[in-house]
């Protein structure tokens, strides 16, 4: 398997090279040169596999010769050994609503599914290749802690995570800043998540700096994250259909960065019978506006009770554009250059209709989010976190859709308490966080400030 850039400016690279590169050196995002196709017989065989075995089957075609089946299986087993539920991502019901719980990992968020795997994958590749890796990422709340827990204490790896000061939940902040391993560096920037994401992309696009300091990516710009997340779409489909390949299912996905829902799109491209992908956003609705209008236009970032979705620049959107524009990298490059100049891009009505055949889009207000938490709890006793509530409300007219539960409700105690008057009981991984020692630096949201911090920290390691 070879990997190419959405902008067409690199020679094809291997899976290992794609993982270590993160962002393509031409500024684009990496994708497989062709998407593996799964026939109906294979799909039926996958339908009742345990999660770990299914993960090996889904990922193996993308890995090529870089890892043997045995090596991949070992990575998968180690990655999900830390999950507290034997099914890893169980499908449960709340009333008549199917909910795919993705929060049973060490940081109680869906990002653990990919980042426990990616941390172990990085470690294995570095053991094979030698050298060091300095991970640089930005988080709107959950990616940072999941990435930190994926690589904490690992030799050859340092991790630098940017989060927006005062714009994530207290528990999300403590999950990161209470990790005191020497290889973990938390940076609170005086700005928004989009500022952090811009800084990360700028530093990755400085190819000399990236190479000199061995920068690697854990944000969903790294294709290995998308690949790991595609597994649970196959898993949920199998649990609902028991292998009936004539039966399709819909998914409602709360999303800000387009990574989780793109994983569902990738699964559909592989042959998974996906009837509809419901793109659920909060007030920060750049993605839902695009689905409805064909216009992708930046706006102001508004703080909400679902802060992990408080995003205007969705980094994975470019991957979908590549397929929407018939895998024409020059068209993608032109659109992204226009986006960079003008803060907006538009696709044709024909393309907008093509989008609508796959995606529905719903923007959910603050009041609707809180009301959904309240009504679900009153009817079933099940507590939704505010992000999952956005997805459930977006699927209100599609009762058969599977709703992705992206975080444990205890991570967002204030919003849950506002909705139902009580907080969810914290899982063991979240207990006692507010009493632990912390370590974090506060910096301005500028490329210079972050570059300087990395240079000072890594002095002598080049």
Protein backbone atom coordinates (compact mmCIF):
# COMPACT_ATOMS: atom_id res chain seq x y z
CA UNK A 1 0.00 0.00 0.00
CA UNK A 2 1.29 3.44 -0.97
CA UNK A 3 0.14 6.82 0.31
CA UNK A 4 -0.29 10.06 -1.61
CA UNK A 5 -1.06 13.68 -0.77
CA UNK A 6 -4.40 15.34 -1.35
CA UNK A 7 -2.43 18.09 -3.13
CA UNK A 8 -0.36 15.79 -5.32
CA UNK A 9 3.03 17.23 -4.44
CA UNK A 10 4.87 14.18 -3.04
CA UNK A 11 6.07 10.86 -4.36
CA UNK A 12 4.05 7.94 -2.96
CA UNK A 13 5.25 6.77 0.45
CA UNK A 14 4.81 3.61 2.54
CA UNK A 15 2.47 3.21 5.50
CA UNK A 16 5.34 3.68 7.95
CA UNK A 17 6.51 6.81 6.16
CA UNK A 18 2.96 8.18 6.13
CA UNK A 19 2.58 7.59 9.87
CA UNK A 20 5.87 9.27 10.70
CA UNK A 21 5.30 12.13 8.24
CA UNK A 22 1.87 13.04 9.65
CA UNK A 23 1.17 16.06 7.44
CA UNK A 24 2.36 15.67 3.84
CA UNK A 25 5.39 17.79 3.00
CA UNK A 26 3.39 19.69 0.36
CA UNK A 27 0.89 20.85 3.00
CA UNK A 28 -1.75 18.30 2.05
CA UNK A 29 -3.09 15.30 3.92
CA UNK A 30 -2.04 11.71 3.29
CA UNK A 31 -4.42 9.10 1.90
CA UNK A 32 -4.03 5.58 0.52
CA UNK A 33 -3.46 5.60 -3.23
CA UNK A 34 -6.47 3.30 -3.46
CA UNK A 35 -9.08 2.29 -0.88
CA UNK A 36 -9.16 -1.48 -0.21
CA UNK A 37 -12.46 -3.03 -1.26
CA UNK A 38 -14.21 -5.55 1.01
CA UNK A 39 -16.50 -8.07 -0.67
CA UNK A 40 -19.74 -9.34 0.86
CA UNK A 41 -18.31 -12.70 1.87
CA UNK A 42 -15.48 -11.04 3.79
CA UNK A 43 -17.87 -8.56 5.36
CA UNK A 44 -20.11 -11.37 6.61
CA UNK A 45 -17.07 -13.06 8.11
CA UNK A 46 -16.13 -9.88 9.96
CA UNK A 47 -19.60 -9.28 11.40
CA UNK A 48 -19.21 -11.17 14.69
CA UNK A 49 -15.46 -10.92 15.23
CA UNK A 50 -14.29 -9.57 18.58
CA UNK A 51 -13.14 -5.97 18.30
CA UNK A 52 -9.43 -6.77 18.44
CA UNK A 53 -9.60 -9.37 15.68
CA UNK A 54 -11.74 -7.08 13.56
CA UNK A 55 -9.21 -4.25 13.98
CA UNK A 56 -6.45 -6.46 12.58
CA UNK A 57 -8.56 -7.39 9.56
CA UNK A 58 -9.61 -3.80 8.80
CA UNK A 59 -6.12 -2.35 9.22
CA UNK A 60 -4.01 -5.05 7.57
CA UNK A 61 -4.65 -4.05 3.92
CA UNK A 62 -3.47 -0.52 4.72
CA UNK A 63 -0.27 -1.62 6.43
CA UNK A 64 1.19 -3.44 3.44
CA UNK A 65 4.53 -5.10 4.15
CA UNK A 66 5.50 -2.69 6.92
CA UNK A 67 4.09 -4.88 9.70
CA UNK A 68 3.36 -8.58 9.69
CA UNK A 69 -0.06 -9.83 10.78
CA UNK A 70 1.57 -11.04 14.02
CA UNK A 71 3.14 -7.65 14.70
CA UNK A 72 -0.12 -5.83 14.00
CA UNK A 73 -2.09 -8.22 16.21
CA UNK A 74 0.37 -7.66 19.05
CA UNK A 75 0.04 -3.87 18.72
CA UNK A 76 -3.75 -4.13 18.72
CA UNK A 77 -3.87 -6.40 21.78
CA UNK A 78 -1.58 -4.12 23.76
CA UNK A 79 -3.47 -1.00 22.67
CA UNK A 80 -6.87 -2.18 23.87
CA UNK A 81 -5.75 -4.01 27.00
CA UNK A 82 -6.21 -0.74 28.91
CA UNK A 83 -9.92 -0.48 28.02
CA UNK A 84 -12.34 -1.24 30.82
CA UNK A 85 -15.05 -2.90 28.71
CA UNK A 86 -14.37 -6.32 27.14
CA UNK A 87 -15.99 -5.25 23.86
CA UNK A 88 -13.82 -2.09 23.69
CA UNK A 89 -16.62 -0.12 21.92
CA UNK A 90 -19.91 -1.69 23.09
CA UNK A 91 -23.23 -0.97 21.40
CA UNK A 92 -25.88 -0.24 24.04
CA UNK A 93 -29.48 0.95 24.01
CA UNK A 94 -31.12 3.87 25.77
CA UNK A 95 -34.82 3.47 25.20
CA UNK A 96 -35.09 2.74 21.49
CA UNK A 97 -31.85 4.54 20.62
CA UNK A 98 -28.68 2.60 19.79
CA UNK A 99 -25.56 4.22 21.22
CA UNK A 100 -22.00 3.18 20.39
CA UNK A 101 -19.97 3.84 23.52
CA UNK A 102 -16.46 4.92 22.57
CA UNK A 103 -15.34 6.16 25.99
CA UNK A 104 -14.05 3.06 27.79
CA UNK A 105 -10.36 3.88 27.28
CA UNK A 106 -7.96 5.43 29.80
CA UNK A 107 -9.08 9.03 29.21
CA UNK A 108 -12.82 8.29 28.78
CA UNK A 109 -13.06 9.67 25.24
CA UNK A 110 -13.27 8.21 21.74
CA UNK A 111 -9.79 9.49 20.92
CA UNK A 112 -8.35 6.62 23.00
CA UNK A 113 -9.44 4.11 20.34
CA UNK A 114 -6.98 5.62 17.88
CA UNK A 115 -4.33 7.09 20.13
CA UNK A 116 -3.61 4.05 22.26
CA UNK A 117 -2.90 2.29 18.97
CA UNK A 118 -0.93 5.16 17.47
CA UNK A 119 1.30 5.48 20.54
CA UNK A 120 2.24 1.81 20.36
CA UNK A 121 2.65 2.04 16.58
CA UNK A 122 5.06 4.97 16.93
CA UNK A 123 7.05 3.01 19.50
CA UNK A 124 7.29 -0.06 17.24
CA UNK A 125 8.34 1.94 14.18
CA UNK A 126 10.99 3.83 16.16
CA UNK A 127 12.36 0.55 17.48
CA UNK A 128 12.73 -0.63 13.88
CA UNK A 129 14.10 2.59 12.44
CA UNK A 130 15.99 4.12 15.34
CA UNK A 131 15.92 7.84 16.02
CA UNK A 132 13.54 10.01 17.98
CA UNK A 133 10.10 11.51 17.53
CA UNK A 134 8.83 14.78 18.93
CA UNK A 135 5.04 14.85 18.73
CA UNK A 136 3.38 18.22 18.31
CA UNK A 137 -0.40 18.51 18.50
CA UNK A 138 -3.28 20.83 19.31
CA UNK A 139 -6.39 19.78 21.18
CA UNK A 140 -9.90 21.11 21.64
CA UNK A 141 -10.19 18.93 24.72
CA UNK A 142 -9.91 15.17 24.28
CA UNK A 143 -7.15 14.54 21.72
CA UNK A 144 -4.46 15.94 24.00
CA UNK A 145 -5.09 13.70 26.98
CA UNK A 146 -5.59 10.63 24.81
CA UNK A 147 -2.33 11.33 22.98
CA UNK A 148 -0.46 11.93 26.22
CA UNK A 149 -1.74 8.68 27.73
CA UNK A 150 -0.79 6.91 24.51
CA UNK A 151 2.90 7.88 24.69
CA UNK A 152 3.63 8.81 28.31
CA UNK A 153 6.91 7.31 29.48
CA UNK A 154 7.81 5.88 26.08
CA UNK A 155 11.46 6.01 25.13
CA UNK A 156 12.47 8.03 22.06
CA UNK A 157 9.26 10.12 22.19
CA UNK A 158 8.57 13.61 23.54
CA UNK A 159 5.07 15.07 23.27
CA UNK A 160 4.03 18.74 23.15
CA UNK A 161 0.29 19.44 23.35
CA UNK A 162 -1.31 22.86 22.88
CA UNK A 163 -4.72 23.56 24.40
CA UNK A 164 -6.72 26.82 24.47
CA UNK A 165 -6.37 28.42 27.88
CA UNK A 166 -9.69 28.41 29.76
CA UNK A 167 -11.66 26.91 26.83
CA UNK A 168 -11.74 23.24 27.80
CA UNK A 169 -13.46 21.57 30.73
CA UNK A 170 -11.59 21.46 34.06
CA UNK A 171 -11.39 17.66 33.91
CA UNK A 172 -10.04 17.74 30.36
CA UNK A 173 -7.36 20.18 31.48
CA UNK A 174 -6.42 18.10 34.52
CA UNK A 175 -6.25 14.90 32.51
CA UNK A 176 -3.37 16.46 30.60
CA UNK A 177 -1.62 18.63 33.14
CA UNK A 178 -1.50 16.00 35.90
CA UNK A 179 0.65 13.71 33.74
CA UNK A 180 4.13 14.51 35.06
CA UNK A 181 6.26 12.11 33.00
CA UNK A 182 9.43 13.78 31.77
CA UNK A 183 8.48 13.29 28.11
CA UNK A 184 5.15 15.16 28.44
CA UNK A 185 4.89 18.93 27.86
CA UNK A 186 1.56 20.76 28.20
CA UNK A 187 1.19 24.25 26.72
CA UNK A 188 -1.85 26.45 27.37
CA UNK A 189 -2.07 29.01 24.57
CA UNK A 190 -3.78 32.38 24.93
CA UNK A 191 -6.19 31.81 22.06
CA UNK A 192 -8.54 29.28 20.47
CA UNK A 193 -8.14 25.71 19.30
CA UNK A 194 -8.03 27.01 15.72
CA UNK A 195 -5.03 29.15 16.71
CA UNK A 196 -3.31 26.04 18.03
CA UNK A 197 -4.13 24.04 14.93
CA UNK A 198 -2.83 26.87 12.74
CA UNK A 199 0.45 26.95 14.67
CA UNK A 200 0.87 23.17 14.37
CA UNK A 201 0.26 23.22 10.61
CA UNK A 202 2.63 26.16 10.15
CA UNK A 203 5.42 24.39 11.99
CA UNK A 204 4.83 21.19 10.03
CA UNK A 205 4.96 23.17 6.80
CA UNK A 206 8.36 24.57 7.81
CA UNK A 207 10.08 21.51 6.37
CA UNK A 208 13.55 22.40 7.66
CA UNK A 209 12.24 22.87 11.21
CA UNK A 210 10.11 19.73 10.99
CA UNK A 211 13.05 17.60 9.84
CA UNK A 212 15.57 19.09 12.27
CA UNK A 213 13.35 18.50 15.29
CA UNK A 214 11.82 15.19 14.07
CA UNK A 215 8.25 16.40 14.40
CA UNK A 216 5.40 13.89 14.27
CA UNK A 217 1.62 14.33 14.39
CA UNK A 218 -1.09 12.79 16.55
CA UNK A 219 -3.91 15.07 15.46
CA UNK A 220 -6.29 13.48 13.01
CA UNK A 221 -4.10 14.77 10.20
CA UNK A 222 -2.29 11.46 10.88
CA UNK A 223 -4.03 8.86 8.72
CA UNK A 224 -3.38 6.05 11.22
CA UNK A 225 -5.89 7.72 13.54
CA UNK A 226 -8.61 7.73 10.90
CA UNK A 227 -7.85 4.09 10.10
CA UNK A 228 -8.19 2.98 13.73
CA UNK A 229 -11.49 4.83 14.07
CA UNK A 230 -12.95 3.18 10.96
CA UNK A 231 -12.90 -0.13 12.85
CA UNK A 232 -15.79 0.70 15.15
CA UNK A 233 -18.11 1.49 12.23
CA UNK A 234 -17.62 -2.08 11.00
CA UNK A 235 -18.02 -3.35 14.56
CA UNK A 236 -21.32 -1.53 15.14
CA UNK A 237 -22.72 -2.60 11.76
CA UNK A 238 -21.91 -6.22 12.56
CA UNK A 239 -23.60 -6.07 15.96
CA UNK A 240 -26.79 -4.66 14.43
CA UNK A 241 -27.05 -6.72 11.23
CA UNK A 242 -25.31 -9.98 12.23
CA UNK A 243 -23.71 -10.01 8.80
CA UNK A 244 -26.76 -9.28 6.64
CA UNK A 245 -24.95 -7.47 3.82
CA UNK A 246 -28.25 -6.36 2.36
CA UNK A 247 -28.94 -4.24 5.41
CA UNK A 248 -27.43 -0.78 5.71
CA UNK A 249 -27.26 1.39 8.82
CA UNK A 250 -26.95 5.11 9.51
CA UNK A 251 -24.59 6.81 11.95
CA UNK A 252 -24.94 10.14 13.74
CA UNK A 253 -21.55 11.62 14.47
CA UNK A 254 -20.89 14.71 16.61
CA UNK A 255 -17.94 16.30 14.88
CA UNK A 256 -15.90 19.47 14.76
CA UNK A 257 -12.73 18.41 12.97
CA UNK A 258 -14.35 16.00 10.48
CA UNK A 259 -11.97 13.18 11.47
CA UNK A 260 -14.46 10.84 13.15
CA UNK A 261 -17.08 11.15 10.44
CA UNK A 262 -14.42 10.82 7.73
CA UNK A 263 -13.53 7.46 9.29
CA UNK A 264 -17.15 6.47 8.67
CA UNK A 265 -16.90 7.71 5.09
CA UNK A 266 -13.74 5.62 4.62
CA UNK A 267 -15.58 2.55 5.91
CA UNK A 268 -18.37 3.24 3.43
CA UNK A 269 -15.82 3.57 0.59
CA UNK A 270 -14.41 0.17 1.59
CA UNK A 271 -17.83 -1.42 1.13
CA UNK A 272 -19.57 -1.10 4.51
CA UNK A 273 -23.33 -0.70 3.90
CA UNK A 274 -23.76 2.80 5.33
CA UNK A 275 -27.15 4.30 4.54
CA UNK A 276 -26.44 7.80 5.85
CA UNK A 277 -23.81 9.74 7.80
CA UNK A 278 -25.42 12.43 9.94
CA UNK A 279 -22.97 15.25 10.54
CA UNK A 280 -23.90 16.81 13.88
CA UNK A 281 -22.40 20.15 14.88
CA UNK A 282 -23.03 22.64 17.65
CA UNK A 283 -23.27 26.41 17.16
CA UNK A 284 -19.92 26.30 15.38
CA UNK A 285 -21.56 25.01 12.24
CA UNK A 286 -19.06 25.50 9.40
CA UNK A 287 -19.38 21.84 8.40
CA UNK A 288 -23.16 21.62 8.53
CA UNK A 289 -23.39 24.85 6.53
CA UNK A 290 -21.18 23.32 3.87
CA UNK A 291 -23.37 20.23 3.56
CA UNK A 292 -26.47 22.39 3.24
CA UNK A 293 -25.09 25.14 0.96
CA UNK A 294 -21.86 23.96 -0.67
CA UNK A 295 -20.04 26.93 0.92
CA UNK A 296 -17.24 26.34 3.42
CA UNK A 297 -16.64 29.68 5.14
CA UNK A 298 -14.84 30.61 8.31
CA UNK A 299 -16.70 32.32 11.12
CA UNK A 300 -16.15 33.26 14.73
CA UNK A 301 -15.52 30.47 17.23
CA UNK A 302 -18.26 30.47 19.89
CA UNK A 303 -17.68 28.74 23.27
CA UNK A 304 -20.36 26.12 23.97
CA UNK A 305 -21.23 23.34 26.41
CA UNK A 306 -19.71 20.90 23.88
CA UNK A 307 -16.24 22.49 23.72
CA UNK A 308 -14.46 19.75 21.78
CA UNK A 309 -16.54 20.83 18.78
CA UNK A 310 -15.80 24.55 19.10
CA UNK A 311 -13.87 24.57 15.84
CA UNK A 312 -14.04 26.51 12.58
CA UNK A 313 -11.13 24.99 10.63
CA UNK A 314 -11.83 21.25 10.23
CA UNK A 315 -8.47 19.77 9.30
CA UNK A 316 -9.81 16.48 7.90
CA UNK A 317 -12.24 18.22 5.56
CA UNK A 318 -9.51 18.32 2.90
CA UNK A 319 -9.46 14.52 2.76
CA UNK A 320 -13.13 14.46 1.86
CA UNK A 321 -12.63 17.25 -0.68
CA UNK A 322 -10.14 15.01 -2.45
CA UNK A 323 -12.81 12.39 -3.10
CA UNK A 324 -15.51 14.96 -3.78
CA UNK A 325 -13.30 16.52 -6.47
CA UNK A 326 -12.86 13.13 -8.16
CA UNK A 327 -9.40 12.55 -6.66
CA UNK A 328 -7.98 15.51 -8.58
CA UNK A 329 -5.16 16.98 -6.44
CA UNK A 330 -4.90 20.11 -8.58
CA UNK A 331 -8.57 20.90 -7.88
CA UNK A 332 -8.04 20.33 -4.15
CA UNK A 333 -4.93 22.50 -4.15
CA UNK A 334 -6.80 25.30 -5.93
CA UNK A 335 -9.69 25.17 -3.46
CA UNK A 336 -7.42 25.15 -0.41
CA UNK A 337 -5.38 28.06 -1.78
CA UNK A 338 -8.63 29.97 -2.24
CA UNK A 339 -9.60 29.08 1.30
CA UNK A 340 -6.26 30.39 2.54
CA UNK A 341 -6.66 33.69 0.67
CA UNK A 342 -10.35 34.40 1.19
CA UNK A 343 -11.46 32.30 4.16
CA UNK A 344 -14.11 30.55 2.06
CA UNK A 345 -14.58 28.12 -0.79
CA UNK A 346 -17.58 26.98 -2.78
CA UNK A 347 -18.33 23.82 -4.72
CA UNK A 348 -20.80 23.52 -7.58
CA UNK A 349 -24.46 22.64 -7.11
CA UNK A 350 -23.72 19.27 -8.68
CA UNK A 351 -21.06 18.59 -6.07
CA UNK A 352 -23.32 19.82 -3.29
CA UNK A 353 -25.94 17.32 -4.38
CA UNK A 354 -23.26 14.62 -4.37
CA UNK A 355 -22.44 15.53 -0.75
CA UNK A 356 -26.13 15.32 0.18
CA UNK A 357 -26.36 11.76 -1.10
CA UNK A 358 -23.98 10.66 1.67
CA UNK A 359 -24.30 13.22 4.45
CA UNK A 360 -27.13 14.88 6.32
CA UNK A 361 -26.23 17.86 8.47
CA UNK A 362 -27.80 19.33 11.59
CA UNK A 363 -26.56 22.18 13.79
CA UNK A 364 -27.79 21.80 17.38
CA UNK A 365 -28.25 24.78 19.71
CA UNK A 366 -27.18 25.02 23.35
CA UNK A 367 -30.77 24.78 24.56
CA UNK A 368 -31.40 21.73 22.37
CA UNK A 369 -28.23 20.05 23.66
CA UNK A 370 -29.23 20.50 27.30
CA UNK A 371 -32.81 19.48 26.57
CA UNK A 372 -31.59 16.28 24.90
CA UNK A 373 -29.50 15.37 27.96
CA UNK A 374 -32.54 16.05 30.15
CA UNK A 375 -35.12 14.18 28.06
CA UNK A 376 -32.93 11.13 27.55
CA UNK A 377 -32.19 10.94 31.27
CA UNK A 378 -35.83 11.35 32.26
CA UNK A 379 -36.99 8.72 29.78
CA UNK A 380 -34.25 6.12 30.23
CA UNK A 381 -31.91 7.02 33.10
CA UNK A 382 -29.02 7.15 30.61
CA UNK A 383 -26.73 10.19 30.87
CA UNK A 384 -25.39 11.69 27.65
CA UNK A 385 -22.34 13.90 27.56
CA UNK A 386 -23.07 17.18 25.70
CA UNK A 387 -21.24 16.11 22.50
CA UNK A 388 -23.14 12.84 22.33
CA UNK A 389 -26.33 14.79 23.01
CA UNK A 390 -25.64 16.86 19.90
CA UNK A 391 -25.46 13.65 17.87
CA UNK A 392 -28.62 12.21 19.40
CA UNK A 393 -30.60 15.40 18.78
CA UNK A 394 -29.31 15.58 15.19
CA UNK A 395 -30.69 12.06 14.62
CA UNK A 396 -34.12 12.87 16.04
CA UNK A 397 -35.90 12.01 12.79
CA UNK A 398 -33.78 8.91 12.18
CA UNK A 399 -34.52 6.59 15.12
CA UNK A 400 -32.61 3.68 13.58
CA UNK A 401 -29.32 5.60 13.32
CA UNK A 402 -26.48 4.55 15.59
CA UNK A 403 -25.32 7.51 17.68
CA UNK A 404 -21.64 7.71 18.54
CA UNK A 405 -21.03 8.46 22.23
CA UNK A 406 -17.74 10.28 22.09
CA UNK A 407 -17.03 10.97 25.78
CA UNK A 408 -18.06 9.90 29.25
CA UNK A 409 -20.57 12.37 30.74
CA UNK A 410 -18.45 12.80 33.87
CA UNK A 411 -15.93 14.76 31.78
CA UNK A 412 -18.51 17.55 31.40
CA UNK A 413 -19.99 17.75 34.87
CA UNK A 414 -21.13 21.38 34.70
CA UNK A 415 -23.17 20.87 31.53
CA UNK A 416 -24.70 17.64 32.80
CA UNK A 417 -25.57 19.23 36.15
CA UNK A 418 -27.14 22.19 34.35
CA UNK A 419 -29.32 19.79 32.36
CA UNK A 420 -30.40 17.26 34.98
CA UNK A 421 -29.34 18.62 38.36
CA UNK A 422 -26.78 15.89 39.10
CA UNK A 423 -23.43 14.82 37.69
CA UNK A 424 -22.56 11.43 36.27
CA UNK A 425 -20.51 9.16 38.50
CA UNK A 426 -16.88 9.42 37.47
CA UNK A 427 -15.14 6.27 36.22
CA UNK A 428 -11.96 5.32 38.09
CA UNK A 429 -9.77 7.00 35.46
CA UNK A 430 -11.30 10.41 36.29
CA UNK A 431 -11.42 10.15 40.06
CA UNK A 432 -9.11 12.31 42.15
CA UNK A 433 -7.82 14.37 39.21
CA UNK A 434 -8.58 17.72 40.79
CA UNK A 435 -6.37 16.90 43.79
CA UNK A 436 -3.24 15.97 41.83
CA UNK A 437 -0.19 18.11 41.12
CA UNK A 438 -0.07 19.74 37.69
CA UNK A 439 2.55 21.02 35.25
CA UNK A 440 1.80 23.38 32.37
CA UNK A 441 3.27 26.47 30.71
CA UNK A 442 1.22 29.38 29.34
CA UNK A 443 2.34 30.91 26.05
CA UNK A 444 1.03 33.36 23.48
CA UNK A 445 -0.71 31.80 20.48
CA UNK A 446 2.11 32.56 18.05
CA UNK A 447 4.35 30.38 15.95
CA UNK A 448 7.42 32.11 17.42
CA UNK A 449 6.46 31.36 21.01
CA UNK A 450 5.88 27.67 20.32
CA UNK A 451 9.00 27.29 18.17
CA UNK A 452 11.07 28.89 20.89
CA UNK A 453 9.68 26.57 23.56
CA UNK A 454 10.38 23.48 21.45
CA UNK A 455 13.91 24.64 20.69
CA UNK A 456 14.68 25.34 24.35
CA UNK A 457 13.19 22.02 25.52
CA UNK A 458 14.87 19.89 22.87
CA UNK A 459 18.25 21.59 23.04
CA UNK A 460 20.93 18.95 22.84
CA UNK A 461 18.60 16.30 21.37
CA UNK A 462 18.96 17.30 17.70
